[in-house]
PDB file of all heavy atoms in Angstrom:
ATOM      1  N   CYS A   1      -0.776 -57.223  -7.894  1.00  0.00           N
ATOM      2  CA  CYS A   1      -1.395 -57.808  -6.714  1.00  0.00           C
ATOM      3  C   CYS A   1      -2.721 -58.416  -7.141  1.00  0.00           C
ATOM      4  O   CYS A   1      -3.670 -57.696  -7.464  1.00  0.00           O
ATOM      5  CB  CYS A   1      -1.620 -56.754  -5.638  1.00  0.00           C
ATOM      6  SG  CYS A   1      -0.106 -55.855  -5.190  1.00  0.00           S
ATOM      7  N   GLY A   2      -2.790 -59.749  -7.147  1.00  0.00           N
ATOM      8  CA  GLY A   2      -3.922 -60.437  -7.756  1.00  0.00           C
ATOM      9  C   GLY A   2      -5.052 -60.777  -6.806  1.00  0.00           C
ATOM     10  O   GLY A   2      -6.056 -61.350  -7.232  1.00  0.00           O
ATOM     11  N   GLY A   3      -4.945 -60.446  -5.529  1.00  0.00           N
ATOM     12  CA  GLY A   3      -5.981 -60.841  -4.579  1.00  0.00           C
ATOM     13  C   GLY A   3      -6.944 -59.708  -4.282  1.00  0.00           C
ATOM     14  O   GLY A   3      -6.654 -58.534  -4.489  1.00  0.00           O
ATOM     15  N   ILE A   4      -8.117 -60.061  -3.749  1.00  0.00           N
ATOM     16  CA  ILE A   4      -9.110 -59.078  -3.364  1.00  0.00           C
ATOM     17  C   ILE A   4      -8.821 -58.510  -1.980  1.00  0.00           C
ATOM     18  O   ILE A   4      -9.307 -57.448  -1.594  1.00  0.00           O
ATOM     19  CB  ILE A   4     -10.528 -59.698  -3.384  1.00  0.00           C
ATOM     20  CG1 ILE A   4     -11.591 -58.619  -3.277  1.00  0.00           C
ATOM     21  CG2 ILE A   4     -10.687 -60.741  -2.281  1.00  0.00           C
ATOM     22  CD1 ILE A   4     -12.997 -59.155  -3.484  1.00  0.00           C
ATOM     23  N   HIS A   5      -7.993 -59.200  -1.200  1.00  0.00           N
ATOM     24  CA  HIS A   5      -7.635 -58.765   0.154  1.00  0.00           C
ATOM     25  C   HIS A   5      -6.156 -59.043   0.359  1.00  0.00           C
ATOM     26  O   HIS A   5      -5.620 -60.034  -0.130  1.00  0.00           O
ATOM     27  CB  HIS A   5      -8.470 -59.502   1.201  1.00  0.00           C
ATOM     28  CG  HIS A   5      -7.990 -59.259   2.596  1.00  0.00           C
ATOM     29  ND1 HIS A   5      -8.344 -58.116   3.314  1.00  0.00           N
ATOM     30  CD2 HIS A   5      -7.203 -59.982   3.428  1.00  0.00           C
ATOM     31  CE1 HIS A   5      -7.796 -58.160   4.500  1.00  0.00           C
ATOM     32  NE2 HIS A   5      -7.118 -59.289   4.605  1.00  0.00           N
ATOM     33  N   MET A   6      -5.493 -58.143   1.070  1.00  0.00           N
ATOM     34  CA  MET A   6      -4.080 -58.335   1.375  1.00  0.00           C
ATOM     35  C   MET A   6      -3.802 -57.703   2.733  1.00  0.00           C
ATOM     36  O   MET A   6      -4.395 -56.679   3.089  1.00  0.00           O
ATOM     37  CB  MET A   6      -3.214 -57.696   0.288  1.00  0.00           C
ATOM     38  CG  MET A   6      -1.723 -57.879   0.476  1.00  0.00           C
ATOM     39  SD  MET A   6      -0.753 -57.237  -0.921  1.00  0.00           S
ATOM     40  CE  MET A   6      -0.741 -58.652  -2.005  1.00  0.00           C
ATOM     41  N   SER A   7      -2.907 -58.296   3.488  1.00  0.00           N
ATOM     42  CA  SER A   7      -2.505 -57.707   4.751  1.00  0.00           C
ATOM     43  C   SER A   7      -1.757 -56.395   4.486  1.00  0.00           C
ATOM     44  O   SER A   7      -1.364 -56.107   3.349  1.00  0.00           O
ATOM     45  CB  SER A   7      -1.643 -58.673   5.551  1.00  0.00           C
ATOM     46  OG  SER A   7      -0.470 -59.023   4.817  1.00  0.00           O
ATOM     47  N   ASP A   8      -1.544 -55.620   5.531  1.00  0.00           N
ATOM     48  CA  ASP A   8      -0.946 -54.300   5.364  1.00  0.00           C
ATOM     49  C   ASP A   8       0.445 -54.382   4.715  1.00  0.00           C
ATOM     50  O   ASP A   8       1.226 -55.320   4.971  1.00  0.00           O
ATOM     51  CB  ASP A   8      -0.815 -53.580   6.704  1.00  0.00           C
ATOM     52  CG  ASP A   8      -2.159 -53.157   7.248  1.00  0.00           C
ATOM     53  OD1 ASP A   8      -3.161 -53.182   6.477  1.00  0.00           O
ATOM     54  OD2 ASP A   8      -2.225 -52.794   8.441  1.00  0.00           O
ATOM     55  N   ILE A   9       0.725 -53.410   3.874  1.00  0.00           N
ATOM     56  CA  ILE A   9       2.021 -53.342   3.191  1.00  0.00           C
ATOM     57  C   ILE A   9       2.991 -52.572   4.082  1.00  0.00           C
ATOM     58  O   ILE A   9       2.716 -51.447   4.492  1.00  0.00           O
ATOM     59  CB  ILE A   9       1.881 -52.628   1.840  1.00  0.00           C
ATOM     60  CG1 ILE A   9       0.829 -53.324   0.967  1.00  0.00           C
ATOM     61  CG2 ILE A   9       3.222 -52.563   1.106  1.00  0.00           C
ATOM     62  CD1 ILE A   9       0.425 -52.519  -0.247  1.00  0.00           C
ATOM     63  N   PRO A  10       4.119 -53.170   4.425  1.00  0.00           N
ATOM     64  CA  PRO A  10       5.085 -52.459   5.266  1.00  0.00           C
ATOM     65  C   PRO A  10       5.765 -51.322   4.509  1.00  0.00           C
ATOM     66  O   PRO A  10       5.783 -51.306   3.272  1.00  0.00           O
ATOM     67  CB  PRO A  10       6.092 -53.562   5.647  1.00  0.00           C
ATOM     68  CG  PRO A  10       6.025 -54.531   4.518  1.00  0.00           C
ATOM     69  CD  PRO A  10       4.580 -54.517   4.055  1.00  0.00           C
ATOM     70  N   THR A  11       6.311 -50.381   5.233  1.00  0.00           N
ATOM     71  CA  THR A  11       7.093 -49.336   4.583  1.00  0.00           C
ATOM     72  C   THR A  11       8.328 -49.946   3.924  1.00  0.00           C
ATOM     73  O   THR A  11       8.849 -50.961   4.372  1.00  0.00           O
ATOM     74  CB  THR A  11       7.525 -48.270   5.588  1.00  0.00           C
ATOM     75  OG1 THR A  11       8.298 -48.888   6.622  1.00  0.00           O
ATOM     76  CG2 THR A  11       6.320 -47.564   6.195  1.00  0.00           C
ATOM     77  N   PHE A  12       8.748 -49.325   2.846  1.00  0.00           N
ATOM     78  CA  PHE A  12       9.957 -49.812   2.166  1.00  0.00           C
ATOM     79  C   PHE A  12      10.646 -48.621   1.501  1.00  0.00           C
ATOM     80  O   PHE A  12      10.005 -47.613   1.205  1.00  0.00           O
ATOM     81  CB  PHE A  12       9.624 -50.902   1.134  1.00  0.00           C
ATOM     82  CG  PHE A  12       8.643 -50.503   0.059  1.00  0.00           C
ATOM     83  CD1 PHE A  12       9.050 -49.870  -1.101  1.00  0.00           C
ATOM     84  CD2 PHE A  12       7.286 -50.771   0.228  1.00  0.00           C
ATOM     85  CE1 PHE A  12       8.160 -49.516  -2.082  1.00  0.00           C
ATOM     86  CE2 PHE A  12       6.374 -50.411  -0.757  1.00  0.00           C
ATOM     87  CZ  PHE A  12       6.816 -49.772  -1.918  1.00  0.00           C
ATOM     88  N   PRO A  13      11.949 -48.728   1.261  1.00  0.00           N
ATOM     89  CA  PRO A  13      12.676 -47.592   0.698  1.00  0.00           C
ATOM     90  C   PRO A  13      12.246 -47.311  -0.743  1.00  0.00           C
ATOM     91  O   PRO A  13      11.972 -48.243  -1.510  1.00  0.00           O
ATOM     92  CB  PRO A  13      14.141 -48.043   0.761  1.00  0.00           C
ATOM     93  CG  PRO A  13      14.099 -49.520   0.851  1.00  0.00           C
ATOM     94  CD  PRO A  13      12.830 -49.844   1.592  1.00  0.00           C
ATOM     95  N   TYR A  14      12.207 -46.048  -1.078  1.00  0.00           N
ATOM     96  CA  TYR A  14      11.798 -45.618  -2.424  1.00  0.00           C
ATOM     97  C   TYR A  14      12.696 -46.248  -3.481  1.00  0.00           C
ATOM     98  O   TYR A  14      12.270 -46.461  -4.616  1.00  0.00           O
ATOM     99  CB  TYR A  14      11.863 -44.095  -2.498  1.00  0.00           C
ATOM    100  CG  TYR A  14      11.530 -43.555  -3.879  1.00  0.00           C
ATOM    101  CD1 TYR A  14      10.273 -43.723  -4.424  1.00  0.00           C
ATOM    102  CD2 TYR A  14      12.506 -42.872  -4.620  1.00  0.00           C
ATOM    103  CE1 TYR A  14       9.971 -43.206  -5.681  1.00  0.00           C
ATOM    104  CE2 TYR A  14      12.218 -42.359  -5.870  1.00  0.00           C
ATOM    105  CZ  TYR A  14      10.946 -42.543  -6.399  1.00  0.00           C
ATOM    106  OH  TYR A  14      10.661 -42.047  -7.646  1.00  0.00           O
ATOM    107  N   GLU A  15      13.919 -46.570  -3.122  1.00  0.00           N
ATOM    108  CA  GLU A  15      14.849 -47.181  -4.052  1.00  0.00           C
ATOM    109  C   GLU A  15      14.250 -48.439  -4.715  1.00  0.00           C
ATOM    110  O   GLU A  15      14.532 -48.737  -5.885  1.00  0.00           O
ATOM    111  CB  GLU A  15      16.129 -47.542  -3.311  1.00  0.00           C
ATOM    112  CG  GLU A  15      17.185 -48.254  -4.167  1.00  0.00           C
ATOM    113  CD  GLU A  15      18.376 -48.687  -3.350  1.00  0.00           C
ATOM    114  OE1 GLU A  15      18.369 -48.457  -2.122  1.00  0.00           O
ATOM    115  OE2 GLU A  15      19.293 -49.293  -3.931  1.00  0.00           O
ATOM    116  N   LEU A  16      13.404 -49.190  -3.975  1.00  0.00           N
ATOM    117  CA  LEU A  16      12.818 -50.402  -4.545  1.00  0.00           C
ATOM    118  C   LEU A  16      11.806 -50.099  -5.658  1.00  0.00           C
ATOM    119  O   LEU A  16      11.629 -50.887  -6.583  1.00  0.00           O
ATOM    120  CB  LEU A  16      12.129 -51.239  -3.439  1.00  0.00           C
ATOM    121  CG  LEU A  16      13.039 -51.855  -2.382  1.00  0.00           C
ATOM    122  CD1 LEU A  16      12.201 -52.656  -1.405  1.00  0.00           C
ATOM    123  CD2 LEU A  16      14.115 -52.729  -3.010  1.00  0.00           C
ATOM    124  N   LEU A  17      11.141 -48.968  -5.543  1.00  0.00           N
ATOM    125  CA  LEU A  17      10.137 -48.589  -6.530  1.00  0.00           C
ATOM    126  C   LEU A  17      10.727 -47.767  -7.674  1.00  0.00           C
ATOM    127  O   LEU A  17      10.224 -47.791  -8.810  1.00  0.00           O
ATOM    128  CB  LEU A  17       9.031 -47.789  -5.842  1.00  0.00           C
ATOM    129  CG  LEU A  17       7.801 -47.418  -6.670  1.00  0.00           C
ATOM    130  CD1 LEU A  17       7.079 -48.658  -7.160  1.00  0.00           C
ATOM    131  CD2 LEU A  17       6.860 -46.544  -5.870  1.00  0.00           C
ATOM    132  N   TRP A  18      11.808 -47.072  -7.379  1.00  0.00           N
ATOM    133  CA  TRP A  18      12.419 -46.199  -8.365  1.00  0.00           C
ATOM    134  C   TRP A  18      12.843 -47.002  -9.598  1.00  0.00           C
ATOM    135  O   TRP A  18      12.987 -48.207  -9.545  1.00  0.00           O
ATOM    136  CB  TRP A  18      13.635 -45.505  -7.760  1.00  0.00           C
ATOM    137  CG  TRP A  18      14.240 -44.486  -8.670  1.00  0.00           C
ATOM    138  CD1 TRP A  18      13.824 -43.210  -8.883  1.00  0.00           C
ATOM    139  CD2 TRP A  18      15.380 -44.681  -9.519  1.00  0.00           C
ATOM    140  NE1 TRP A  18      14.620 -42.579  -9.804  1.00  0.00           N
ATOM    141  CE2 TRP A  18      15.594 -43.466 -10.217  1.00  0.00           C
ATOM    142  CE3 TRP A  18      16.232 -45.749  -9.753  1.00  0.00           C
ATOM    143  CZ2 TRP A  18      16.625 -43.291 -11.134  1.00  0.00           C
ATOM    144  CZ3 TRP A  18      17.252 -45.595 -10.669  1.00  0.00           C
ATOM    145  CH2 TRP A  18      17.458 -44.387 -11.349  1.00  0.00           C
ATOM    146  N   GLY A  19      13.049 -46.321 -10.698  1.00  0.00           N
ATOM    147  CA  GLY A  19      13.409 -47.014 -11.941  1.00  0.00           C
ATOM    148  C   GLY A  19      12.173 -47.402 -12.719  1.00  0.00           C
ATOM    149  O   GLY A  19      12.179 -48.357 -13.500  1.00  0.00           O
ATOM    150  N   GLU A  20      11.083 -46.637 -12.517  1.00  0.00           N
ATOM    151  CA  GLU A  20       9.833 -46.847 -13.241  1.00  0.00           C
ATOM    152  C   GLU A  20       9.233 -48.232 -13.056  1.00  0.00           C
ATOM    153  O   GLU A  20       8.574 -48.779 -13.917  1.00  0.00           O
ATOM    154  CB  GLU A  20      10.000 -46.512 -14.738  1.00  0.00           C
ATOM    155  CG  GLU A  20      10.412 -45.062 -14.944  1.00  0.00           C
ATOM    156  CD  GLU A  20      10.379 -44.626 -16.387  1.00  0.00           C
ATOM    157  OE1 GLU A  20      10.130 -45.467 -17.295  1.00  0.00           O
ATOM    158  OE2 GLU A  20      10.601 -43.423 -16.648  1.00  0.00           O
ATOM    159  N   ARG A  21       9.483 -48.785 -11.871  1.00  0.00           N
ATOM    160  CA  ARG A  21       8.739 -49.996 -11.509  1.00  0.00           C
ATOM    161  C   ARG A  21       7.317 -49.621 -11.143  1.00  0.00           C
ATOM    162  O   ARG A  21       7.041 -48.501 -10.731  1.00  0.00           O
ATOM    163  CB  ARG A  21       9.428 -50.701 -10.333  1.00  0.00           C
ATOM    164  CG  ARG A  21      10.835 -51.234 -10.682  1.00  0.00           C
ATOM    165  CD  ARG A  21      11.510 -51.816  -9.447  1.00  0.00           C
ATOM    166  NE  ARG A  21      12.804 -52.383  -9.754  1.00  0.00           N
ATOM    167  CZ  ARG A  21      13.944 -51.682  -9.768  1.00  0.00           C
ATOM    168  NH1 ARG A  21      13.942 -50.386  -9.457  1.00  0.00           N
ATOM    169  NH2 ARG A  21      15.090 -52.270 -10.085  1.00  0.00           N
ATOM    170  N   GLU A  22       6.396 -50.555 -11.294  1.00  0.00           N
ATOM    171  CA  GLU A  22       4.978 -50.277 -11.046  1.00  0.00           C
ATOM    172  C   GLU A  22       4.394 -51.318 -10.106  1.00  0.00           C
ATOM    173  O   GLU A  22       4.799 -52.486 -10.123  1.00  0.00           O
ATOM    174  CB  GLU A  22       4.177 -50.325 -12.358  1.00  0.00           C
ATOM    175  CG  GLU A  22       4.602 -49.332 -13.422  1.00  0.00           C
ATOM    176  CD  GLU A  22       3.802 -49.529 -14.689  1.00  0.00           C
ATOM    177  OE1 GLU A  22       2.564 -49.515 -14.615  1.00  0.00           O
ATOM    178  OE2 GLU A  22       4.422 -49.722 -15.759  1.00  0.00           O
ATOM    179  N   ILE A  23       3.423 -50.880  -9.296  1.00  0.00           N
ATOM    180  CA  ILE A  23       2.607 -51.782  -8.482  1.00  0.00           C
ATOM    181  C   ILE A  23       1.158 -51.591  -8.928  1.00  0.00           C
ATOM    182  O   ILE A  23       0.659 -50.461  -8.944  1.00  0.00           O
ATOM    183  CB  ILE A  23       2.731 -51.478  -6.981  1.00  0.00           C
ATOM    184  CG1 ILE A  23       4.193 -51.550  -6.527  1.00  0.00           C
ATOM    185  CG2 ILE A  23       1.873 -52.443  -6.165  1.00  0.00           C
ATOM    186  CD1 ILE A  23       4.401 -51.053  -5.100  1.00  0.00           C
ATOM    187  N   ILE A  24       0.492 -52.670  -9.296  1.00  0.00           N
ATOM    188  CA  ILE A  24      -0.868 -52.610  -9.829  1.00  0.00           C
ATOM    189  C   ILE A  24      -1.749 -53.589  -9.055  1.00  0.00           C
ATOM    190  O   ILE A  24      -1.341 -54.722  -8.782  1.00  0.00           O
ATOM    191  CB  ILE A  24      -0.900 -52.972 -11.323  1.00  0.00           C
ATOM    192  CG1 ILE A  24      -0.004 -52.034 -12.132  1.00  0.00           C
ATOM    193  CG2 ILE A  24      -2.317 -52.923 -11.869  1.00  0.00           C
ATOM    194  CD1 ILE A  24       0.120 -52.425 -13.586  1.00  0.00           C
ATOM    195  N   SER A  25      -2.967 -53.164  -8.730  1.00  0.00           N
ATOM    196  CA  SER A  25      -3.944 -54.094  -8.132  1.00  0.00           C
ATOM    197  C   SER A  25      -4.918 -54.555  -9.205  1.00  0.00           C
ATOM    198  O   SER A  25      -5.055 -53.946 -10.266  1.00  0.00           O
ATOM    199  CB  SER A  25      -4.704 -53.417  -6.984  1.00  0.00           C
ATOM    200  OG  SER A  25      -5.550 -52.394  -7.496  1.00  0.00           O
ATOM    201  N   VAL A  26      -5.580 -55.660  -8.925  1.00  0.00           N
ATOM    202  CA  VAL A  26      -6.555 -56.228  -9.846  1.00  0.00           C
ATOM    203  C   VAL A  26      -7.909 -56.283  -9.139  1.00  0.00           C
ATOM    204  O   VAL A  26      -7.996 -56.744  -8.005  1.00  0.00           O
ATOM    205  CB  VAL A  26      -6.133 -57.635 -10.293  1.00  0.00           C
ATOM    206  CG1 VAL A  26      -7.233 -58.286 -11.117  1.00  0.00           C
ATOM    207  CG2 VAL A  26      -4.859 -57.573 -11.100  1.00  0.00           C
TER     208      VAL A  26
END
């Protein structure tokens, strides 16, 4: 996530994150 501001993140199923995917802010 490359921005300093972002609108709210909606809920999502854990399946999308599973598999050692990562979410990183800058």
